Structures are given as structure tokens and as C-alpha cells.
N, C-alpha and C. Protein backbone atom coordinates (compact mmCIF):
# COMPACT_ATOMS: atom_id res chain seq x y z
N MET A 1 -7.40 -40.10 1.74
CA MET A 1 -6.42 -39.34 2.58
C MET A 1 -5.60 -38.43 1.96
N VAL A 2 -5.50 -38.49 0.39
CA VAL A 2 -4.61 -37.47 -0.06
C VAL A 2 -5.60 -36.16 -0.13
N ASP A 3 -6.90 -36.59 -0.60
CA ASP A 3 -7.77 -35.43 -0.60
C ASP A 3 -7.88 -34.68 0.97
N LYS A 4 -7.83 -35.39 1.84
CA LYS A 4 -7.96 -34.83 3.27
C LYS A 4 -6.69 -33.85 3.51
N LEU A 5 -5.39 -34.36 3.25
CA LEU A 5 -4.38 -33.49 3.23
C LEU A 5 -4.54 -32.29 2.28
N LYS A 6 -4.93 -32.62 1.29
CA LYS A 6 -5.04 -31.34 0.17
C LYS A 6 -6.12 -30.20 0.71
N TYR A 7 -6.94 -30.79 1.49
CA TYR A 7 -8.04 -29.86 2.10
C TYR A 7 -7.43 -29.21 3.62
N CYS A 8 -6.58 -30.10 4.08
CA CYS A 8 -6.02 -29.24 5.32
C CYS A 8 -5.00 -28.26 4.98
N ALA A 9 -4.29 -28.57 3.66
CA ALA A 9 -3.09 -27.68 3.50
C ALA A 9 -3.97 -26.28 3.04
N ALA A 10 -5.07 -26.59 1.88
CA ALA A 10 -5.38 -25.32 1.58
C ALA A 10 -6.34 -24.52 2.90
N LEU A 11 -6.68 -25.39 3.74
CA LEU A 11 -7.17 -24.52 4.79
C LEU A 11 -6.00 -23.84 5.46
N ALA A 12 -5.07 -24.39 5.76
CA ALA A 12 -3.87 -23.82 6.54
C ALA A 12 -3.36 -22.73 5.70
N VAL A 13 -3.65 -22.54 4.25
CA VAL A 13 -2.97 -21.28 3.44
C VAL A 13 -4.05 -20.19 3.65
N PHE A 14 -5.20 -20.56 3.63
CA PHE A 14 -6.38 -19.58 3.60
C PHE A 14 -6.33 -19.16 5.06
N ALA A 15 -5.97 -19.78 6.29
CA ALA A 15 -6.14 -19.43 7.65
C ALA A 15 -4.75 -18.27 7.59
N LEU A 16 -3.70 -18.68 7.12
CA LEU A 16 -2.78 -18.19 7.11
C LEU A 16 -2.68 -16.62 6.63
N GLY A 17 -3.67 -16.59 5.58
CA GLY A 17 -3.58 -15.59 4.45
C GLY A 17 -4.79 -14.27 5.41
N ILE A 18 -5.54 -14.68 6.40
CA ILE A 18 -6.48 -13.95 7.02
C ILE A 18 -5.84 -12.67 7.73
N PRO A 19 -4.64 -13.04 8.38
CA PRO A 19 -3.92 -11.80 9.07
C PRO A 19 -3.46 -10.92 8.05
N LEU A 20 -2.82 -11.46 6.90
CA LEU A 20 -2.27 -10.43 5.66
C LEU A 20 -3.29 -9.92 5.38
N ALA A 21 -4.42 -10.40 5.10
CA ALA A 21 -5.46 -9.39 4.36
C ALA A 21 -6.12 -8.35 4.97
N ALA A 22 -6.00 -8.58 6.48
CA ALA A 22 -6.26 -7.29 7.16
C ALA A 22 -5.25 -6.41 7.72
N ASN A 23 -3.99 -6.98 7.45
CA ASN A 23 -2.74 -6.49 7.89
C ASN A 23 -2.86 -4.85 7.79
N ALA A 24 -2.94 -4.27 6.58
CA ALA A 24 -2.99 -2.75 6.34
C ALA A 24 -4.04 -2.18 7.43
N ALA A 25 -5.38 -2.46 7.46
CA ALA A 25 -6.09 -1.99 7.95
C ALA A 25 -6.06 -1.97 9.51
N ASN A 26 -5.35 -3.11 9.96
CA ASN A 26 -5.15 -3.54 11.47
C ASN A 26 -3.72 -2.56 11.90
N LEU A 27 -3.07 -1.95 11.05
CA LEU A 27 -1.94 -1.17 11.27
C LEU A 27 -2.37 0.30 11.15
N GLY A 28 -3.37 0.43 10.97
CA GLY A 28 -3.86 2.03 11.00
C GLY A 28 -3.92 2.94 10.09
N PHE A 29 -4.18 2.04 8.76
CA PHE A 29 -4.35 2.66 7.23
C PHE A 29 -5.59 2.58 6.62
N GLN A 30 -6.02 3.35 6.06
CA GLN A 30 -7.31 3.32 4.85
C GLN A 30 -6.74 3.63 3.76
N THR A 31 -7.26 2.70 2.59
CA THR A 31 -6.75 2.62 1.32
C THR A 31 -7.68 3.15 0.35
N ASN A 32 -7.83 3.96 -0.59
CA ASN A 32 -9.00 4.25 -1.29
C ASN A 32 -8.45 4.44 -2.73
N ALA A 33 -9.31 3.88 -3.67
CA ALA A 33 -9.09 4.20 -5.09
C ALA A 33 -9.36 5.67 -5.48
N ILE A 34 -8.52 6.23 -6.52
CA ILE A 34 -8.81 7.21 -7.24
C ILE A 34 -9.46 7.12 -8.44
N ASN A 35 -8.97 6.15 -9.27
CA ASN A 35 -9.31 5.70 -10.42
C ASN A 35 -8.65 4.36 -10.65
N GLY A 36 -8.59 4.05 -11.70
CA GLY A 36 -8.10 2.47 -12.04
C GLY A 36 -6.68 2.20 -11.75
N THR A 37 -5.77 3.16 -11.67
CA THR A 37 -4.41 2.70 -11.52
C THR A 37 -3.97 3.41 -10.13
N ASP A 38 -4.81 4.60 -9.65
CA ASP A 38 -4.24 5.36 -8.87
C ASP A 38 -4.92 5.48 -7.46
N PHE A 39 -4.58 5.50 -6.42
CA PHE A 39 -4.92 5.22 -5.13
C PHE A 39 -4.20 5.95 -4.05
N GLU A 40 -4.94 6.11 -2.87
CA GLU A 40 -4.34 6.95 -1.87
C GLU A 40 -4.20 5.99 -0.31
N VAL A 41 -3.17 6.32 0.31
CA VAL A 41 -3.20 5.72 1.74
C VAL A 41 -3.26 6.56 2.66
N VAL A 42 -4.29 6.67 3.49
CA VAL A 42 -4.71 7.43 4.47
C VAL A 42 -4.33 7.01 5.79
N PRO A 43 -3.54 7.33 6.69
CA PRO A 43 -3.41 7.08 8.07
C PRO A 43 -4.49 7.53 9.11
N ARG A 44 -4.92 6.19 9.72
CA ARG A 44 -5.86 6.45 10.84
C ARG A 44 -5.19 6.85 12.04
N SER A 45 -4.22 6.11 12.53
CA SER A 45 -3.52 6.13 13.80
C SER A 45 -2.10 6.19 13.83
N ARG A 46 -1.60 5.24 12.76
CA ARG A 46 -0.22 5.02 12.80
C ARG A 46 0.32 5.80 11.37
N ASP A 47 1.26 6.42 10.97
CA ASP A 47 1.87 7.07 10.22
C ASP A 47 3.29 6.95 9.53
N ASP A 48 3.84 5.74 10.20
CA ASP A 48 5.11 5.55 9.88
C ASP A 48 5.31 5.09 7.97
N THR A 49 6.50 5.27 7.69
CA THR A 49 6.85 5.16 6.10
C THR A 49 6.47 3.62 6.01
N ASP A 50 6.96 2.57 6.42
CA ASP A 50 6.76 1.23 6.29
C ASP A 50 5.07 1.18 6.07
N GLY A 51 4.51 1.53 6.89
CA GLY A 51 2.93 1.38 7.05
C GLY A 51 2.35 1.73 5.76
N TYR A 52 2.69 2.97 5.32
CA TYR A 52 2.28 3.34 4.01
C TYR A 52 2.69 2.40 2.76
N TRP A 53 3.71 1.97 2.73
CA TRP A 53 4.20 0.95 1.77
C TRP A 53 3.30 -0.52 2.02
N CYS A 54 3.28 -0.92 3.12
CA CYS A 54 2.59 -1.88 3.33
C CYS A 54 1.04 -1.88 2.70
N ALA A 55 0.29 -0.84 3.25
CA ALA A 55 -1.02 -0.71 2.76
C ALA A 55 -1.17 -0.28 1.26
N ALA A 56 -0.09 0.32 0.58
CA ALA A 56 0.09 0.17 -0.72
C ALA A 56 0.19 -1.04 -1.51
N ALA A 57 0.71 -2.06 -1.04
CA ALA A 57 1.22 -3.04 -1.65
C ALA A 57 -0.12 -4.25 -1.41
N ASP A 58 -0.80 -4.15 -0.49
CA ASP A 58 -1.93 -4.61 0.10
C ASP A 58 -3.10 -4.49 -1.10
N PHE A 59 -3.39 -3.10 -1.09
CA PHE A 59 -4.35 -2.67 -2.07
C PHE A 59 -3.95 -2.96 -3.59
N ALA A 60 -2.72 -2.76 -4.04
CA ALA A 60 -2.35 -3.02 -5.39
C ALA A 60 -2.47 -4.48 -5.57
N ARG A 61 -2.19 -5.47 -4.87
CA ARG A 61 -2.48 -6.83 -4.86
C ARG A 61 -3.82 -7.04 -4.98
N ARG A 62 -4.71 -6.59 -3.70
CA ARG A 62 -5.82 -7.22 -3.36
C ARG A 62 -6.82 -6.15 -4.50
N GLY A 63 -6.80 -5.06 -4.42
CA GLY A 63 -7.95 -4.33 -4.87
C GLY A 63 -7.57 -4.28 -6.51
N LEU A 64 -6.43 -4.06 -7.06
CA LEU A 64 -6.04 -3.64 -8.42
C LEU A 64 -5.66 -4.93 -9.31
N GLY A 65 -5.07 -5.97 -8.50
CA GLY A 65 -4.73 -7.19 -9.22
C GLY A 65 -3.40 -6.92 -9.76
N ALA A 66 -2.66 -6.52 -9.20
CA ALA A 66 -0.95 -6.51 -9.38
C ALA A 66 -0.31 -7.62 -9.08
N GLY A 67 0.65 -7.74 -10.04
CA GLY A 67 1.69 -9.19 -9.71
C GLY A 67 2.62 -8.63 -8.78
N TRP A 68 3.25 -9.47 -8.11
CA TRP A 68 4.20 -9.27 -7.12
C TRP A 68 5.34 -8.32 -7.55
N GLN A 69 5.71 -8.51 -8.84
CA GLN A 69 6.91 -7.96 -9.32
C GLN A 69 6.56 -6.49 -10.15
N ASP A 70 5.42 -6.22 -10.12
CA ASP A 70 4.79 -4.88 -10.62
C ASP A 70 5.08 -3.75 -9.78
N PRO A 71 5.63 -2.53 -10.43
CA PRO A 71 6.15 -1.43 -9.46
C PRO A 71 5.03 -0.90 -8.92
N ILE A 72 5.07 -0.22 -7.81
CA ILE A 72 4.05 0.69 -7.19
C ILE A 72 5.00 2.21 -7.34
N TYR A 73 4.24 3.02 -7.60
CA TYR A 73 5.14 4.64 -7.77
C TYR A 73 4.54 5.37 -6.84
N VAL A 74 5.30 6.40 -6.42
CA VAL A 74 4.77 7.17 -5.79
C VAL A 74 4.13 8.45 -6.58
N LEU A 75 2.91 8.89 -6.57
CA LEU A 75 2.34 9.86 -7.39
C LEU A 75 2.35 11.24 -6.65
N ARG A 76 2.05 11.24 -5.63
CA ARG A 76 2.24 12.62 -4.59
C ARG A 76 2.68 12.17 -3.41
N GLY A 77 3.52 12.91 -2.64
CA GLY A 77 3.86 12.58 -1.31
C GLY A 77 3.11 13.17 -0.22
N TYR A 78 3.25 13.41 1.01
CA TYR A 78 2.37 13.93 2.06
C TYR A 78 1.57 14.96 1.45
N GLY A 79 0.22 15.00 1.56
CA GLY A 79 -0.77 16.14 1.23
C GLY A 79 -2.01 15.61 1.71
N PRO A 80 -3.20 16.61 1.35
CA PRO A 80 -4.28 16.43 1.75
C PRO A 80 -4.99 15.07 0.98
N SER A 81 -5.92 14.37 1.72
CA SER A 81 -6.73 13.34 0.74
C SER A 81 -7.52 13.82 0.22
N VAL A 82 -7.80 13.39 -1.20
CA VAL A 82 -8.93 13.62 -2.34
C VAL A 82 -10.26 12.96 -1.95
N THR A 83 -10.02 11.43 -1.30
CA THR A 83 -10.88 10.68 -1.17
C THR A 83 -11.75 10.82 0.38
N THR A 84 -10.93 11.38 1.12
CA THR A 84 -11.57 11.40 2.68
C THR A 84 -11.68 13.05 3.13
N GLY A 85 -10.71 13.60 2.61
CA GLY A 85 -10.63 15.32 3.19
C GLY A 85 -9.68 15.25 4.12
N ARG A 86 -9.35 13.93 4.80
CA ARG A 86 -8.23 13.94 6.05
C ARG A 86 -6.86 14.87 5.55
N ARG A 87 -6.38 15.33 6.53
CA ARG A 87 -5.12 16.14 6.26
C ARG A 87 -4.04 15.60 5.51
N THR A 88 -3.67 14.21 5.91
CA THR A 88 -2.58 13.84 5.46
C THR A 88 -2.87 12.48 4.64
N ALA A 89 -2.25 12.31 3.34
CA ALA A 89 -2.40 11.05 2.44
C ALA A 89 -1.05 10.89 1.87
N VAL A 90 -0.65 9.95 1.00
CA VAL A 90 0.36 9.64 0.16
C VAL A 90 -0.13 8.77 -0.91
N GLN A 91 -0.25 9.44 -2.15
CA GLN A 91 -0.99 8.96 -3.43
C GLN A 91 0.04 8.13 -4.24
N PHE A 92 -0.33 6.72 -4.48
CA PHE A 92 0.53 6.00 -5.40
C PHE A 92 -0.16 5.85 -6.59
N SER A 93 0.57 4.92 -7.59
CA SER A 93 0.08 4.62 -8.98
C SER A 93 0.87 3.38 -9.45
N LEU A 94 0.04 2.43 -10.20
CA LEU A 94 0.70 1.37 -10.87
C LEU A 94 1.26 1.81 -12.13
N LYS A 95 1.01 2.83 -12.52
CA LYS A 95 1.78 3.36 -13.71
C LYS A 95 2.46 4.43 -13.43
N PRO A 96 3.56 4.46 -14.04
CA PRO A 96 4.71 5.47 -14.21
C PRO A 96 4.18 6.84 -14.33
N PRO A 97 4.04 7.83 -13.38
CA PRO A 97 3.65 9.10 -13.52
C PRO A 97 4.31 10.01 -14.71
N SER A 98 3.43 10.81 -15.20
CA SER A 98 3.98 11.66 -16.28
C SER A 98 4.72 12.64 -15.84
N ALA A 99 5.47 13.25 -16.68
CA ALA A 99 6.36 14.49 -16.54
C ALA A 99 5.42 15.73 -16.07
N ASP A 100 4.42 15.94 -16.56
CA ASP A 100 3.32 17.09 -16.21
C ASP A 100 2.74 16.58 -15.02
N ALA A 101 2.69 15.59 -14.49
CA ALA A 101 2.21 15.27 -13.05
C ALA A 101 3.04 15.71 -12.08
N SER A 102 4.12 15.84 -12.34
CA SER A 102 5.34 16.30 -11.45
C SER A 102 4.89 17.83 -10.65
N ALA A 103 4.25 18.71 -11.61
CA ALA A 103 3.90 19.81 -10.97
C ALA A 103 2.89 19.80 -10.33
N GLN A 104 2.08 18.80 -10.29
CA GLN A 104 0.86 18.57 -9.30
C GLN A 104 1.12 17.94 -8.03
N SER A 105 2.46 17.35 -8.36
CA SER A 105 2.66 16.12 -6.92
C SER A 105 2.82 16.73 -5.55
N GLY A 106 2.70 17.91 -5.25
CA GLY A 106 2.95 18.35 -4.00
C GLY A 106 4.38 18.46 -3.63
N SER A 107 4.14 18.23 -2.04
CA SER A 107 5.55 18.57 -1.49
C SER A 107 6.66 17.27 -1.78
N SER A 108 7.75 17.44 -2.18
CA SER A 108 8.63 16.68 -2.32
C SER A 108 9.66 16.00 -1.27
N ARG A 109 9.14 16.96 0.04
CA ARG A 109 9.88 16.70 1.38
C ARG A 109 9.46 15.39 1.85
N GLY A 110 10.37 14.83 2.92
CA GLY A 110 9.79 13.54 3.33
C GLY A 110 10.40 12.31 2.54
N PRO A 111 9.90 11.23 2.85
CA PRO A 111 10.34 9.92 2.25
C PRO A 111 9.58 9.40 1.21
N PHE A 112 8.50 10.24 0.75
CA PHE A 112 8.06 9.88 -0.45
C PHE A 112 8.15 10.76 -1.73
N LYS A 113 9.20 10.55 -2.48
CA LYS A 113 9.51 11.31 -3.65
C LYS A 113 8.82 10.96 -4.75
N PHE A 114 8.18 12.06 -5.46
CA PHE A 114 7.38 12.03 -6.44
C PHE A 114 8.31 11.14 -7.84
N GLY A 115 7.62 9.88 -8.14
CA GLY A 115 8.25 9.10 -9.29
C GLY A 115 9.09 7.77 -8.58
N SER A 116 9.31 8.17 -7.19
CA SER A 116 10.30 6.62 -6.49
C SER A 116 9.07 5.36 -6.62
N SER A 117 9.80 4.54 -6.76
CA SER A 117 8.90 3.07 -6.76
C SER A 117 9.77 1.91 -6.11
N MET A 118 9.03 1.24 -5.80
CA MET A 118 9.43 -0.21 -5.49
C MET A 118 8.36 -1.32 -5.86
N SER A 119 8.57 -2.57 -5.79
CA SER A 119 7.93 -3.82 -6.32
C SER A 119 6.83 -3.92 -5.33
N VAL A 120 5.66 -4.48 -5.83
CA VAL A 120 4.66 -4.78 -4.75
C VAL A 120 5.32 -5.99 -3.71
N GLN A 121 6.02 -6.52 -3.82
CA GLN A 121 6.76 -7.68 -3.21
C GLN A 121 7.80 -7.00 -2.16
N SER A 122 8.29 -6.07 -2.48
CA SER A 122 9.27 -5.24 -1.86
C SER A 122 8.24 -4.40 -0.80
N ALA A 123 7.32 -3.80 -1.17
CA ALA A 123 6.63 -2.93 -0.17
C ALA A 123 5.79 -4.00 0.64
N ASN A 124 5.48 -5.09 0.23
CA ASN A 124 4.85 -5.99 1.10
C ASN A 124 5.73 -6.57 2.17
N ALA A 125 6.95 -6.78 1.92
CA ALA A 125 7.88 -6.85 2.82
C ALA A 125 8.00 -6.20 4.17
N ARG A 126 7.63 -5.02 3.94
CA ARG A 126 7.89 -3.89 5.25
C ARG A 126 6.40 -4.06 5.91
N CYS A 127 5.20 -5.07 5.74
CA CYS A 127 4.35 -5.29 6.42
C CYS A 127 4.73 -5.61 7.81
N GLY A 128 5.75 -6.46 7.88
CA GLY A 128 6.34 -7.21 8.97
C GLY A 128 6.83 -6.30 9.97
N ARG A 129 7.35 -5.06 9.64
CA ARG A 129 8.05 -4.15 10.43
C ARG A 129 7.10 -3.47 11.66
N ARG A 130 7.40 -3.13 12.70
CA ARG A 130 6.76 -2.58 13.73
C ARG A 130 7.62 -1.17 13.93
N PRO A 131 7.06 0.26 13.83
CA PRO A 131 8.14 1.18 14.34
C PRO A 131 8.37 1.19 15.78
N ILE A 132 9.18 1.96 16.09
CA ILE A 132 9.63 2.11 17.55
C ILE A 132 8.78 3.02 17.95
N PHE A 133 8.57 4.13 17.04
CA PHE A 133 7.78 5.32 17.58
C PHE A 133 6.91 5.71 16.38
N ASN A 134 5.87 6.39 16.52
CA ASN A 134 5.42 7.09 15.75
C ASN A 134 5.87 8.37 15.03
N ARG A 135 6.00 8.53 13.80
CA ARG A 135 6.85 10.17 13.30
C ARG A 135 5.88 11.00 13.08
């Protein structure tokens, strides 16, 4: 009976994890690695700020093995995608950006300021938010 309960509990945890795994993609974002620590989030259909952070948290956890308390840094605000060629993307990193990267960071307008950060957990908390409208 105990083994059956453990199996059911594990199955429930797995089943609950499925929507979270697909969350960033389902919300309209694509995330691509640039190198071992840097990646970019490219909107497909939705482009709200929370969605970028949600996708960044998902990729940091699942793609790069980051812990919940690890910081995610903004490497570059809105700019062209280097992995897809699309017009708009935001670049993130798991390591603090260097001072010389500031010159290459692109636009500092908008909500994604070079060097700003939040923990993977805080970014993941934005996954449940739904925008009233797309910006």
C-alpha cells in the first residue's frame, strides 16, 4: 500500500510538472542558447515582460541546470535575435555581465536594463501572470 501511495504521489508530481515544462513555449516564447551561460528569449506571439522572465526561468532551470536561488541577469535588452534573425529578442545570462559588455548591450530603453537581475524563483513566479493586453 505504501509503495502504491509513493507511486501515485510521484505520478501526481510528474503530471503537475507537465504544464510547467511547456509553459514558456505555450505562452509564445522561444528560448535559445548562445553559449554555456548566455541565452536569448524570442517572442513568437506574446511579448509582455513577465513572459520573457518566465521563459528565462524555464530555460535557466531546465536547459542550464540553474538552482532556484541563482540569479538571471539581463545581458541585453530588446534587440535583434542572434540565434533566429528575428527582429526582437532579450538576452539573459547566468553570470554577471562584465563592464565591457555594457558597451555592446544595445538599447537600455524599456523594462530590460543591462545588468538587472532576479532569481530563477522570482522569474518563475511571473509564469502565472497573464497580460491584460500585449505591449
